[in-house]
């Protein structure tokens, strides 16, 4: 069994452990519903760069993926983006119901903090991992970005600075998190600042690439509806135009390559992920 399959098995066994329930079925439905597993792969690649076994990051990666999945479940709800599909399948609230989807999101979020404590590291570093999960995903992190995103809907005066701030919190925070966690697990706290820089650049690039794909690919190709257009959301394409948005993606890719030079160790796996993300088509 390869590492990817092992991690998928770990995810499924972890989300369904202990008491069976319909909410857990909904949690598993969304958690195991495909996805690129970008955040776990970033964590594994960063650990490999430090010469560590990626399996040492399974618990932390699982926790981060649970948080990411909870955010998608809630983001799809009628009160948020009102999306009926996620990864070409019915959204959690469509496959189950709205109340169950809310509970599934709540369940994944709270379960994440239990699971991350299974990471094989010192108690001091476990506390730092919990702090990082809370900070990057909470009201001063991803949730703040979602709040800014909602406020920007139908705003004709939104600027590029406004958009970048939304992208920094809503997208970049959860892409920075696995990199910071890898530095904590490896006891390389001195690398946290450069990991934050890499995560920021990667998150901005990732979201701009999403904005580009939203206007160049069909809903069927993306596996989700074009809710940003339907909700009149400000995107990099609406502000910059398609060509300039594509140029910004390329500039950020060059910045990411420079950042990798600042890290000691073999960064080939991280470079592969960056290359994959910039060339992705969904």
Protein backbone atom coordinates (compact mmCIF):
# COMPACT_ATOMS: atom_id res chain seq x y z
CA UNK A 1 0.00 0.00 0.00
CA UNK A 2 1.50 3.36 -0.99
CA UNK A 3 1.57 6.44 1.23
CA UNK A 4 -1.48 8.02 -0.43
CA UNK A 5 -3.62 4.91 0.08
CA UNK A 6 -2.38 4.54 3.64
CA UNK A 7 -3.38 8.09 4.45
CA UNK A 8 -6.82 7.63 2.89
CA UNK A 9 -7.33 4.55 5.04
CA UNK A 10 -6.16 6.49 8.10
CA UNK A 11 -8.64 9.28 7.34
CA UNK A 12 -11.60 6.93 6.94
CA UNK A 13 -10.82 4.87 10.04
CA UNK A 14 -10.31 8.01 12.12
CA UNK A 15 -13.50 9.79 11.09
CA UNK A 16 -15.66 6.71 11.69
CA UNK A 17 -14.08 5.46 14.93
CA UNK A 18 -16.08 4.97 18.14
CA UNK A 19 -19.89 5.40 18.14
CA UNK A 20 -21.63 5.06 14.73
CA UNK A 21 -24.04 7.84 13.76
CA UNK A 22 -25.66 9.50 10.75
CA UNK A 23 -23.58 12.60 11.44
CA UNK A 24 -20.39 10.54 11.19
CA UNK A 25 -21.63 9.11 7.90
CA UNK A 26 -22.06 12.67 6.62
CA UNK A 27 -18.61 13.60 7.97
CA UNK A 28 -17.09 10.64 6.14
CA UNK A 29 -19.09 11.39 2.98
CA UNK A 30 -17.49 14.82 2.66
CA UNK A 31 -14.05 13.95 4.02
CA UNK A 32 -13.65 10.99 1.66
CA UNK A 33 -15.29 12.70 -1.33
CA UNK A 34 -12.13 12.95 -3.42
CA UNK A 35 -10.18 16.19 -3.23
CA UNK A 36 -6.58 16.95 -4.10
CA UNK A 37 -5.32 16.53 -0.48
CA UNK A 38 -3.12 19.58 -1.08
CA UNK A 39 -2.66 20.41 2.60
CA UNK A 40 -1.64 16.89 3.68
CA UNK A 41 0.74 16.64 0.73
CA UNK A 42 2.35 19.95 1.72
CA UNK A 43 2.85 18.68 5.26
CA UNK A 44 4.31 15.36 4.08
CA UNK A 45 6.65 17.09 1.60
CA UNK A 46 7.86 19.52 4.25
CA UNK A 47 8.54 16.66 6.67
CA UNK A 48 10.49 14.84 3.97
CA UNK A 49 12.50 18.00 3.40
CA UNK A 50 13.46 17.75 7.08
CA UNK A 51 14.41 14.10 6.62
CA UNK A 52 11.39 12.80 8.54
CA UNK A 53 8.92 10.01 7.77
CA UNK A 54 5.68 11.47 6.31
CA UNK A 55 3.72 9.02 8.48
CA UNK A 56 4.77 11.10 11.47
CA UNK A 57 2.45 13.75 10.03
CA UNK A 58 -0.62 11.55 9.44
CA UNK A 59 -2.48 12.68 12.58
CA UNK A 60 -1.76 16.36 11.99
CA UNK A 61 -2.58 16.13 8.28
CA UNK A 62 -5.83 14.34 9.14
CA UNK A 63 -6.74 17.13 11.56
CA UNK A 64 -6.03 19.82 8.96
CA UNK A 65 -8.03 17.96 6.30
CA UNK A 66 -10.94 17.67 8.75
CA UNK A 67 -10.86 21.43 9.32
CA UNK A 68 -10.64 22.08 5.58
CA UNK A 69 -13.58 19.74 4.90
CA UNK A 70 -15.72 21.32 7.63
CA UNK A 71 -15.12 24.71 6.04
CA UNK A 72 -16.28 23.40 2.65
CA UNK A 73 -19.42 21.81 4.13
CA UNK A 74 -20.40 25.08 5.79
CA UNK A 75 -19.32 27.15 2.78
CA UNK A 76 -21.75 25.20 0.57
CA UNK A 77 -24.74 25.85 2.86
CA UNK A 78 -27.63 28.03 1.61
CA UNK A 79 -26.70 30.81 4.05
CA UNK A 80 -23.17 30.94 2.59
CA UNK A 81 -22.38 30.16 -1.07
CA UNK A 82 -25.47 27.96 -1.61
CA UNK A 83 -23.66 25.34 -3.71
CA UNK A 84 -25.45 22.11 -4.61
CA UNK A 85 -22.32 20.28 -5.76
CA UNK A 86 -18.84 19.69 -4.42
CA UNK A 87 -16.26 17.64 -6.36
CA UNK A 88 -18.94 16.62 -8.86
CA UNK A 89 -21.13 15.10 -6.14
CA UNK A 90 -24.05 16.54 -4.15
CA UNK A 91 -22.91 18.85 -1.35
CA UNK A 92 -23.25 17.48 2.17
CA UNK A 93 -26.52 19.34 2.83
CA UNK A 94 -27.94 17.94 -0.41
CA UNK A 95 -26.78 14.36 0.17
CA UNK A 96 -28.09 14.44 3.75
CA UNK A 97 -29.90 17.56 4.95
CA UNK A 98 -29.00 21.03 6.16
CA UNK A 99 -29.10 20.25 9.89
CA UNK A 100 -26.98 17.13 9.44
CA UNK A 101 -24.47 19.07 7.33
CA UNK A 102 -24.08 21.69 10.06
CA UNK A 103 -23.49 18.94 12.62
CA UNK A 104 -21.04 17.19 10.29
CA UNK A 105 -19.03 20.38 9.96
CA UNK A 106 -19.09 20.91 13.72
CA UNK A 107 -18.06 17.29 14.25
CA UNK A 108 -15.08 17.52 11.90
CA UNK A 109 -13.85 20.75 13.47
CA UNK A 110 -13.96 19.47 17.03
CA UNK A 111 -12.59 16.03 16.10
CA UNK A 112 -9.58 17.72 14.53
CA UNK A 113 -8.31 18.96 17.89
CA UNK A 114 -8.54 15.46 19.36
CA UNK A 115 -6.73 13.90 16.42
CA UNK A 116 -3.83 16.38 16.21
CA UNK A 117 -2.82 15.41 19.75
CA UNK A 118 -1.93 11.95 18.41
CA UNK A 119 1.05 13.47 16.56
CA UNK A 120 4.31 11.83 17.71
CA UNK A 121 6.11 14.85 19.14
CA UNK A 122 6.80 16.45 22.52
CA UNK A 123 3.95 17.73 24.67
CA UNK A 124 5.29 21.27 24.18
CA UNK A 125 5.05 20.87 20.42
CA UNK A 126 1.59 19.31 20.69
CA UNK A 127 0.44 22.49 22.44
CA UNK A 128 2.00 24.52 19.62
CA UNK A 129 0.16 22.40 17.02
CA UNK A 130 -3.19 22.98 18.76
CA UNK A 131 -2.42 26.69 18.93
CA UNK A 132 -1.55 26.76 15.22
CA UNK A 133 -4.74 24.92 14.22
CA UNK A 134 -6.85 27.34 16.24
CA UNK A 135 -5.04 30.45 15.04
CA UNK A 136 -4.93 29.66 11.33
CA UNK A 137 -8.45 28.23 11.04
CA UNK A 138 -10.29 30.42 13.55
CA UNK A 139 -11.67 33.93 13.82
CA UNK A 140 -8.22 35.46 13.29
CA UNK A 141 -7.58 33.16 10.35
CA UNK A 142 -9.80 31.38 7.83
CA UNK A 143 -13.10 32.39 9.45
CA UNK A 144 -12.08 36.05 9.27
CA UNK A 145 -11.42 35.54 5.57
CA UNK A 146 -14.89 34.05 5.10
CA UNK A 147 -16.39 37.06 6.89
CA UNK A 148 -14.51 39.45 4.58
CA UNK A 149 -15.61 37.38 1.58
CA UNK A 150 -19.27 37.67 2.53
CA UNK A 151 -18.93 41.42 3.11
CA UNK A 152 -17.38 41.90 -0.34
CA UNK A 153 -20.33 40.37 -2.23
CA UNK A 154 -22.01 42.89 -4.50
CA UNK A 155 -19.40 45.53 -3.59
CA UNK A 156 -18.75 47.56 -6.77
CA UNK A 157 -15.82 49.36 -5.10
CA UNK A 158 -13.79 46.30 -4.11
CA UNK A 159 -10.08 46.72 -4.89
CA UNK A 160 -7.18 44.36 -5.46
CA UNK A 161 -5.99 45.06 -1.91
CA UNK A 162 -9.41 44.01 -0.60
CA UNK A 163 -9.25 40.82 -2.63
CA UNK A 164 -5.72 39.98 -1.50
CA UNK A 165 -6.73 40.40 2.12
CA UNK A 166 -9.66 38.01 1.63
CA UNK A 167 -7.41 35.50 -0.13
CA UNK A 168 -4.75 35.82 2.57
CA UNK A 169 -7.15 34.78 5.29
CA UNK A 170 -9.71 32.57 3.55
CA UNK A 171 -7.27 30.55 1.43
CA UNK A 172 -3.64 31.18 2.39
CA UNK A 173 -4.06 30.55 6.11
CA UNK A 174 -5.04 26.89 5.63
CA UNK A 175 -2.23 26.39 3.09
CA UNK A 176 0.28 27.94 5.48
CA UNK A 177 -0.91 25.78 8.37
CA UNK A 178 0.56 22.42 7.20
CA UNK A 179 3.92 24.05 6.49
CA UNK A 180 4.05 25.67 9.93
CA UNK A 181 2.96 22.39 11.53
CA UNK A 182 5.74 20.52 9.72
CA UNK A 183 8.31 22.93 11.16
CA UNK A 184 6.83 22.40 14.64
CA UNK A 185 6.81 18.59 14.35
CA UNK A 186 10.41 18.63 13.08
CA UNK A 187 11.45 20.99 15.87
CA UNK A 188 12.59 23.53 13.27
CA UNK A 189 10.88 26.56 14.80
CA UNK A 190 13.41 28.86 13.13
CA UNK A 191 11.81 28.02 9.75
CA UNK A 192 8.31 29.13 10.72
CA UNK A 193 8.69 32.64 9.26
CA UNK A 194 9.80 31.41 5.84
CA UNK A 195 7.02 28.83 5.93
CA UNK A 196 4.56 31.68 6.51
CA UNK A 197 5.95 33.50 3.45
CA UNK A 198 5.67 30.36 1.31
CA UNK A 199 2.14 29.72 2.54
CA UNK A 200 1.05 33.27 1.79
CA UNK A 201 2.42 33.23 -1.77
CA UNK A 202 0.98 29.77 -2.37
CA UNK A 203 -2.44 30.75 -1.04
CA UNK A 204 -2.70 33.91 -3.14
CA UNK A 205 -1.57 32.01 -6.21
CA UNK A 206 -3.97 29.14 -5.48
CA UNK A 207 -6.98 31.47 -5.22
CA UNK A 208 -6.09 33.49 -8.32
CA UNK A 209 -5.71 30.20 -10.19
CA UNK A 210 -9.17 29.22 -8.90
CA UNK A 211 -10.57 32.53 -10.18
CA UNK A 212 -9.03 31.87 -13.58
CA UNK A 213 -10.40 28.33 -13.75
CA UNK A 214 -13.87 29.59 -12.80
CA UNK A 215 -14.04 31.57 -16.06
CA UNK A 216 -12.11 29.20 -18.32
CA UNK A 217 -13.60 25.84 -17.29
CA UNK A 218 -17.15 24.49 -17.17
CA UNK A 219 -18.92 23.51 -13.96
CA UNK A 220 -18.65 19.89 -15.09
CA UNK A 221 -14.87 20.17 -15.48
CA UNK A 222 -14.50 21.86 -12.10
CA UNK A 223 -16.88 19.51 -10.31
CA UNK A 224 -18.72 22.43 -8.69
CA UNK A 225 -21.08 25.23 -9.66
CA UNK A 226 -19.87 28.71 -10.60
CA UNK A 227 -21.26 30.29 -7.44
CA UNK A 228 -18.75 33.17 -7.46
CA UNK A 229 -20.22 34.46 -10.71
CA UNK A 230 -23.78 33.84 -9.55
CA UNK A 231 -23.12 35.71 -6.28
CA UNK A 232 -21.36 38.59 -8.09
CA UNK A 233 -18.20 38.04 -6.08
CA UNK A 234 -15.10 40.07 -6.72
CA UNK A 235 -12.28 37.93 -8.11
CA UNK A 236 -8.80 38.49 -9.50
CA UNK A 237 -10.24 38.16 -13.00
CA UNK A 238 -12.99 40.75 -12.46
CA UNK A 239 -10.42 43.24 -11.13
CA UNK A 240 -7.31 42.51 -13.20
CA UNK A 241 -8.67 40.83 -16.29
CA UNK A 242 -7.68 37.33 -17.37
CA UNK A 243 -4.24 38.13 -18.83
CA UNK A 244 -2.97 40.12 -15.85
CA UNK A 245 -4.32 37.52 -13.45
CA UNK A 246 -2.35 34.85 -15.30
CA UNK A 247 0.77 37.05 -15.14
CA UNK A 248 0.37 37.38 -11.36
CA UNK A 249 0.22 33.59 -11.03
CA UNK A 250 3.55 33.30 -12.89
CA UNK A 251 5.17 36.01 -10.73
CA UNK A 252 4.13 34.22 -7.55
CA UNK A 253 5.55 30.97 -8.91
CA UNK A 254 8.93 32.65 -9.30
CA UNK A 255 8.70 33.99 -5.73
CA UNK A 256 7.96 30.48 -4.45
CA UNK A 257 11.05 29.08 -6.18
CA UNK A 258 13.17 31.74 -4.48
CA UNK A 259 11.65 30.94 -1.08
CA UNK A 260 12.56 27.26 -1.40
CA UNK A 261 16.23 28.22 -1.66
CA UNK A 262 15.99 29.58 1.90
CA UNK A 263 15.15 26.10 3.25
CA UNK A 264 17.77 23.52 4.08
CA UNK A 265 17.29 19.97 2.87
CA UNK A 266 15.79 18.42 -0.24
CA UNK A 267 12.89 20.60 -1.41
CA UNK A 268 12.14 18.60 -4.57
CA UNK A 269 8.80 17.30 -3.24
CA UNK A 270 7.64 20.80 -2.32
CA UNK A 271 8.70 22.08 -5.76
CA UNK A 272 6.71 19.25 -7.40
CA UNK A 273 3.57 20.26 -5.50
CA UNK A 274 4.01 23.93 -6.43
CA UNK A 275 4.40 22.94 -10.08
CA UNK A 276 1.34 20.69 -9.94
CA UNK A 277 -0.82 23.39 -8.37
CA UNK A 278 0.08 26.03 -10.93
CA UNK A 279 -0.70 23.64 -13.79
CA UNK A 280 -3.91 22.17 -12.35
CA UNK A 281 -7.11 22.31 -14.39
CA UNK A 282 -9.69 21.93 -11.59
